[in-house]
Amino acid sequence: MNQAATHKAVFLDRDGVLNAEIGNYVWQPQDFVVLPGVPAALQALHAAGYILVVVTNQAGIAKGLYTSAEVQACHQKLQEACGGIIDALYFAPGHPSMSESLMRKPGSLMLERAMARFRLDAAQCWIIGDRMRDLEAGAKVGVRGILVGDTEQHPHQPSFADLPAAAAFILNQA
């Protein structure tokens, strides 16, 4: 018996949304700095009933710069900073110059997996990212997107300076 999708979620890009973008790959826990306001914003979304799902491209794995265990160590640090409320963390280890991947954004496989796992209703979901490829992945599965960070390069509506402002927007939509 196939149950109807009923849950809502916020998909979150990682680097530049949840943690500081350092201009290169962020894979060492000591370099992984959770941005101000992120834990409180995630707590507010969680309290409003949103499932929280991180979806991040990690091409440095394919390049041999770091391992999946090192990515998971950063994710553990993120969970600890946010009180363990993130429901799932997906990462795409491929690199576009090395292979085609439906996992890697703008591909939508990470989102599709979470949608099936948590029985998510795309119409009640959002994706928050700092690049258009994040929003493109969401659009492929019917999820609305919010761009955060320096949005002058790629104007998009809605767009906000950071995750706390984007979370406030989502919470005000309810």
C-alpha atoms as a PDB file:
ATOM      1  CA  MET A   1       0.000   0.000   0.000  1.00  0.00           C
ATOM      2  CA  ASN A   2       1.441   3.336  -1.078  1.00  0.00           C
ATOM      3  CA  GLN A   3       0.804   6.054   1.477  1.00  0.00           C
ATOM      4  CA  ALA A   4       0.362   9.586   0.220  1.00  0.00           C
ATOM      5  CA  ALA A   5       3.153  12.089   0.721  1.00  0.00           C
ATOM      6  CA  THR A   6       2.223  14.171   3.729  1.00  0.00           C
ATOM      7  CA  HIS A   7       5.322  15.654   5.327  1.00  0.00           C
ATOM      8  CA  LYS A   8       7.080  18.949   4.742  1.00  0.00           C
ATOM      9  CA  ALA A   9      10.824  19.558   4.647  1.00  0.00           C
ATOM     10  CA  VAL A  10      13.526  22.112   4.106  1.00  0.00           C
ATOM     11  CA  PHE A  11      16.448  20.920   1.995  1.00  0.00           C
ATOM     12  CA  LEU A  12      19.663  22.743   2.830  1.00  0.00           C
ATOM     13  CA  ASP A  13      22.837  23.174   0.856  1.00  0.00           C
ATOM     14  CA  ARG A  14      25.817  23.034   3.185  1.00  0.00           C
ATOM     15  CA  ASP A  15      28.798  25.270   2.295  1.00  0.00           C
ATOM     16  CA  GLY A  16      27.759  28.927   2.242  1.00  0.00           C
ATOM     17  CA  VAL A  17      24.356  28.210   3.801  1.00  0.00           C
ATOM     18  CA  LEU A  18      25.032  26.277   7.017  1.00  0.00           C
ATOM     19  CA  ASN A  19      28.775  26.772   7.371  1.00  0.00           C
ATOM     20  CA  ALA A  20      31.278  29.373   6.257  1.00  0.00           C
ATOM     21  CA  GLU A  21      32.474  29.107   2.674  1.00  0.00           C
ATOM     22  CA  ILE A  22      36.267  29.337   2.805  1.00  0.00           C
ATOM     23  CA  GLY A  23      36.946  29.562  -0.912  1.00  0.00           C
ATOM     24  CA  ASN A  24      38.063  25.968  -1.191  1.00  0.00           C
ATOM     25  CA  TYR A  25      36.830  22.599  -0.049  1.00  0.00           C
ATOM     26  CA  VAL A  26      35.615  22.467   3.549  1.00  0.00           C
ATOM     27  CA  TRP A  27      36.475  19.025   4.848  1.00  0.00           C
ATOM     28  CA  GLN A  28      38.498  19.404   8.026  1.00  0.00           C
ATOM     29  CA  PRO A  29      36.399  19.763  11.190  1.00  0.00           C
ATOM     30  CA  GLN A  30      38.660  22.547  12.480  1.00  0.00           C
ATOM     31  CA  ASP A  31      37.822  24.580   9.330  1.00  0.00           C
ATOM     32  CA  PHE A  32      34.109  23.784   9.526  1.00  0.00           C
ATOM     33  CA  VAL A  33      32.489  26.861  11.107  1.00  0.00           C
ATOM     34  CA  VAL A  34      28.723  26.918  11.540  1.00  0.00           C
ATOM     35  CA  LEU A  35      27.398  30.336  10.501  1.00  0.00           C
ATOM     36  CA  PRO A  36      25.823  32.659  13.095  1.00  0.00           C
ATOM     37  CA  GLY A  37      22.109  32.110  13.580  1.00  0.00           C
ATOM     38  CA  VAL A  38      22.059  28.720  11.850  1.00  0.00           C
ATOM     39  CA  PRO A  39      21.298  26.581  14.934  1.00  0.00           C
ATOM     40  CA  ALA A  40      18.434  28.879  16.017  1.00  0.00           C
ATOM     41  CA  ALA A  41      17.003  29.015  12.475  1.00  0.00           C
ATOM     42  CA  LEU A  42      17.067  25.220  12.182  1.00  0.00           C
ATOM     43  CA  GLN A  43      15.488  24.867  15.631  1.00  0.00           C
ATOM     44  CA  ALA A  44      12.645  27.184  14.545  1.00  0.00           C
ATOM     45  CA  LEU A  45      12.033  25.238  11.324  1.00  0.00           C
ATOM     46  CA  HIS A  46      12.155  21.941  13.218  1.00  0.00           C
ATOM     47  CA  ALA A  47       9.714  23.253  15.838  1.00  0.00           C
ATOM     48  CA  ALA A  48       7.320  24.204  13.005  1.00  0.00           C
ATOM     49  CA  GLY A  49       7.311  20.590  11.826  1.00  0.00           C
ATOM     50  CA  TYR A  50       9.804  20.747   8.960  1.00  0.00           C
ATOM     51  CA  ILE A  51      12.042  17.762   8.326  1.00  0.00           C
ATOM     52  CA  LEU A  52      15.595  19.061   7.840  1.00  0.00           C
ATOM     53  CA  VAL A  53      17.693  17.496   5.080  1.00  0.00           C
ATOM     54  CA  VAL A  54      21.212  18.550   4.085  1.00  0.00           C
ATOM     55  CA  VAL A  55      22.088  17.955   0.409  1.00  0.00           C
ATOM     56  CA  THR A  56      25.669  18.783  -0.534  1.00  0.00           C
ATOM     57  CA  ASN A  57      28.038  18.190  -3.443  1.00  0.00           C
ATOM     58  CA  GLN A  58      31.430  16.925  -2.260  1.00  0.00           C
ATOM     59  CA  ALA A  59      33.555  16.639  -5.402  1.00  0.00           C
ATOM     60  CA  GLY A  60      36.768  16.643  -3.366  1.00  0.00           C
ATOM     61  CA  ILE A  61      36.116  12.975  -2.563  1.00  0.00           C
ATOM     62  CA  ALA A  62      36.306  12.024  -6.256  1.00  0.00           C
ATOM     63  CA  LYS A  63      39.441  14.154  -6.587  1.00  0.00           C
ATOM     64  CA  GLY A  64      41.065  12.264  -3.709  1.00  0.00           C
ATOM     65  CA  LEU A  65      41.422  15.406  -1.573  1.00  0.00           C
ATOM     66  CA  TYR A  66      39.485  13.967   1.357  1.00  0.00           C
ATOM     67  CA  THR A  67      37.353  10.976   2.341  1.00  0.00           C
ATOM     68  CA  SER A  68      33.691  10.413   3.064  1.00  0.00           C
ATOM     69  CA  ALA A  69      34.674   9.827   6.714  1.00  0.00           C
ATOM     70  CA  GLU A  70      36.073  13.367   6.849  1.00  0.00           C
ATOM     71  CA  VAL A  71      32.830  14.745   5.387  1.00  0.00           C
ATOM     72  CA  GLN A  72      30.903  12.782   8.006  1.00  0.00           C
ATOM     73  CA  ALA A  73      33.107  14.257  10.760  1.00  0.00           C
ATOM     74  CA  CYS A  74      32.088  17.748   9.587  1.00  0.00           C
ATOM     75  CA  HIS A  75      28.453  16.653   9.541  1.00  0.00           C
ATOM     76  CA  GLN A  76      28.819  15.384  13.102  1.00  0.00           C
ATOM     77  CA  LYS A  77      30.138  18.802  14.121  1.00  0.00           C
ATOM     78  CA  LEU A  78      27.122  20.417  12.420  1.00  0.00           C
ATOM     79  CA  GLN A  79      24.716  18.073  14.219  1.00  0.00           C
ATOM     80  CA  GLU A  80      26.360  18.844  17.559  1.00  0.00           C
ATOM     81  CA  ALA A  81      26.101  22.605  16.948  1.00  0.00           C
ATOM     82  CA  CYS A  82      22.411  22.259  16.064  1.00  0.00           C
ATOM     83  CA  GLY A  83      21.339  19.893  18.830  1.00  0.00           C
ATOM     84  CA  GLY A  84      21.109  16.821  16.598  1.00  0.00           C
ATOM     85  CA  ILE A  85      17.898  17.952  14.876  1.00  0.00           C
ATOM     86  CA  ILE A  86      18.983  17.457  11.251  1.00  0.00           C
ATOM     87  CA  ASP A  87      17.004  14.457  10.027  1.00  0.00           C
ATOM     88  CA  ALA A  88      19.285  13.407   7.167  1.00  0.00           C
ATOM     89  CA  LEU A  89      22.571  14.421   5.555  1.00  0.00           C
ATOM     90  CA  TYR A  90      23.188  13.390   1.944  1.00  0.00           C
ATOM     91  CA  PHE A  91      26.333  14.077  -0.036  1.00  0.00           C
ATOM     92  CA  ALA A  92      27.316  13.486  -3.645  1.00  0.00           C
ATOM     93  CA  PRO A  93      30.966  12.361  -3.874  1.00  0.00           C
ATOM     94  CA  GLY A  94      31.297  12.657  -7.662  1.00  0.00           C
ATOM     95  CA  HIS A  95      33.012  15.291  -9.767  1.00  0.00           C
ATOM     96  CA  PRO A  96      31.485  16.451 -13.069  1.00  0.00           C
ATOM     97  CA  SER A  97      34.751  16.062 -14.999  1.00  0.00           C
ATOM     98  CA  MET A  98      35.065  12.432 -13.894  1.00  0.00           C
ATOM     99  CA  SER A  99      31.582  10.997 -14.301  1.00  0.00           C
ATOM    100  CA  GLU A 100      27.915  11.776 -14.803  1.00  0.00           C
ATOM    101  CA  SER A 101      25.981  11.731 -11.570  1.00  0.00           C
ATOM    102  CA  LEU A 102      22.305  12.156 -10.819  1.00  0.00           C
ATOM    103  CA  MET A 103      23.269  12.626  -7.167  1.00  0.00           C
ATOM    104  CA  ARG A 104      25.282  15.759  -7.790  1.00  0.00           C
ATOM    105  CA  LYS A 105      23.231  18.973  -7.918  1.00  0.00           C
ATOM    106  CA  PRO A 106      21.738  20.179 -10.210  1.00  0.00           C
ATOM    107  CA  GLY A 107      20.762  16.497 -10.340  1.00  0.00           C
ATOM    108  CA  SER A 108      17.900  15.684  -8.008  1.00  0.00           C
ATOM    109  CA  LEU A 109      18.621  12.161  -6.731  1.00  0.00           C
ATOM    110  CA  MET A 110      19.552  13.272  -3.193  1.00  0.00           C
ATOM    111  CA  LEU A 111      16.224  15.092  -2.926  1.00  0.00           C
ATOM    112  CA  GLU A 112      14.321  12.187  -4.477  1.00  0.00           C
ATOM    113  CA  ARG A 113      15.793   9.765  -1.940  1.00  0.00           C
ATOM    114  CA  ALA A 114      14.775  12.002   0.971  1.00  0.00           C
ATOM    115  CA  MET A 115      11.319  12.531  -0.518  1.00  0.00           C
ATOM    116  CA  ALA A 116      10.742   8.784  -0.667  1.00  0.00           C
ATOM    117  CA  ARG A 117      12.294   8.095   2.740  1.00  0.00           C
ATOM    118  CA  PHE A 118      10.264  10.734   4.604  1.00  0.00           C
ATOM    119  CA  ARG A 119       7.143  10.678   2.363  1.00  0.00           C
ATOM    120  CA  LEU A 120       7.537  14.362   1.558  1.00  0.00           C
ATOM    121  CA  ASP A 121       4.979  16.473  -0.256  1.00  0.00           C
ATOM    122  CA  ALA A 122       7.002  18.588  -2.718  1.00  0.00           C
ATOM    123  CA  ALA A 123       4.420  21.386  -2.551  1.00  0.00           C
ATOM    124  CA  GLN A 124       5.188  21.779   1.172  1.00  0.00           C
ATOM    125  CA  CYS A 125       8.973  21.706   0.759  1.00  0.00           C
ATOM    126  CA  TRP A 126      11.694  24.295   0.202  1.00  0.00           C
ATOM    127  CA  ILE A 127      15.340  24.155  -0.800  1.00  0.00           C
ATOM    128  CA  ILE A 128      17.746  26.803   0.440  1.00  0.00           C
ATOM    129  CA  GLY A 129      21.023  27.179  -1.443  1.00  0.00           C
ATOM    130  CA  ASP A 130      23.690  29.672  -2.361  1.00  0.00           C
ATOM    131  CA  ARG A 131      23.941  28.635  -6.020  1.00  0.00           C
ATOM    132  CA  MET A 132      21.455  28.274  -8.824  1.00  0.00           C
ATOM    133  CA  ARG A 133      22.301  24.562  -9.163  1.00  0.00           C
ATOM    134  CA  ASP A 134      20.792  24.026  -5.700  1.00  0.00           C
ATOM    135  CA  LEU A 135      17.520  25.612  -6.786  1.00  0.00           C
ATOM    136  CA  GLU A 136      17.595  23.752 -10.115  1.00  0.00           C
ATOM    137  CA  ALA A 137      17.756  20.438  -8.234  1.00  0.00           C
ATOM    138  CA  GLY A 138      14.699  21.458  -6.229  1.00  0.00           C
ATOM    139  CA  ALA A 139      12.792  22.620  -9.297  1.00  0.00           C
ATOM    140  CA  LYS A 140      13.270  19.195 -10.926  1.00  0.00           C
ATOM    141  CA  VAL A 141      11.175  17.626  -8.158  1.00  0.00           C
ATOM    142  CA  GLY A 142       8.706  20.491  -7.663  1.00  0.00           C
ATOM    143  CA  VAL A 143      10.356  22.044  -4.595  1.00  0.00           C
ATOM    144  CA  ARG A 144      10.401  25.838  -4.236  1.00  0.00           C
ATOM    145  CA  GLY A 145      13.804  27.461  -3.871  1.00  0.00           C
ATOM    146  CA  ILE A 146      15.335  30.282  -1.894  1.00  0.00           C
ATOM    147  CA  LEU A 147      18.730  31.726  -2.761  1.00  0.00           C
ATOM    148  CA  VAL A 148      20.921  33.019   0.077  1.00  0.00           C
ATOM    149  CA  GLY A 149      24.210  34.876   0.243  1.00  0.00           C
ATOM    150  CA  ASP A 150      25.568  37.178  -2.433  1.00  0.00           C
ATOM    151  CA  THR A 151      22.676  37.000  -4.874  1.00  0.00           C
ATOM    152  CA  GLU A 152      23.732  39.867  -7.145  1.00  0.00           C
ATOM    153  CA  GLN A 153      25.404  37.407  -9.548  1.00  0.00           C
ATOM    154  CA  HIS A 154      22.191  35.383  -9.920  1.00  0.00           C
ATOM    155  CA  PRO A 155      19.082  37.376  -9.053  1.00  0.00           C
ATOM    156  CA  HIS A 156      16.305  35.138  -7.777  1.00  0.00           C
ATOM    157  CA  GLN A 157      13.104  35.682  -5.869  1.00  0.00           C
ATOM    158  CA  PRO A 158      12.904  35.004  -3.062  1.00  0.00           C
ATOM    159  CA  SER A 159      16.468  35.670  -1.947  1.00  0.00           C
ATOM    160  CA  PHE A 160      17.943  36.617   1.409  1.00  0.00           C
ATOM    161  CA  ALA A 161      21.275  37.426   3.013  1.00  0.00           C
ATOM    162  CA  ASP A 162      21.419  34.264   5.096  1.00  0.00           C
ATOM    163  CA  LEU A 163      19.660  31.178   6.440  1.00  0.00           C
ATOM    164  CA  PRO A 164      17.993  32.929   9.414  1.00  0.00           C
ATOM    165  CA  ALA A 165      16.269  35.398   7.054  1.00  0.00           C
ATOM    166  CA  ALA A 166      15.242  32.570   4.690  1.00  0.00           C
ATOM    167  CA  ALA A 167      13.874  30.524   7.597  1.00  0.00           C
ATOM    168  CA  ALA A 168      11.848  33.518   8.822  1.00  0.00           C
ATOM    169  CA  PHE A 169      10.372  33.868   5.328  1.00  0.00           C
ATOM    170  CA  ILE A 170       9.371  30.182   5.250  1.00  0.00           C
ATOM    171  CA  LEU A 171       7.824  30.370   8.718  1.00  0.00           C
ATOM    172  CA  ASN A 172       5.836  33.457   7.712  1.00  0.00           C
ATOM    173  CA  GLN A 173       4.355  31.575   4.730  1.00  0.00           C
ATOM    174  CA  ALA A 174       2.505  29.134   6.992  1.00  0.00           C
END
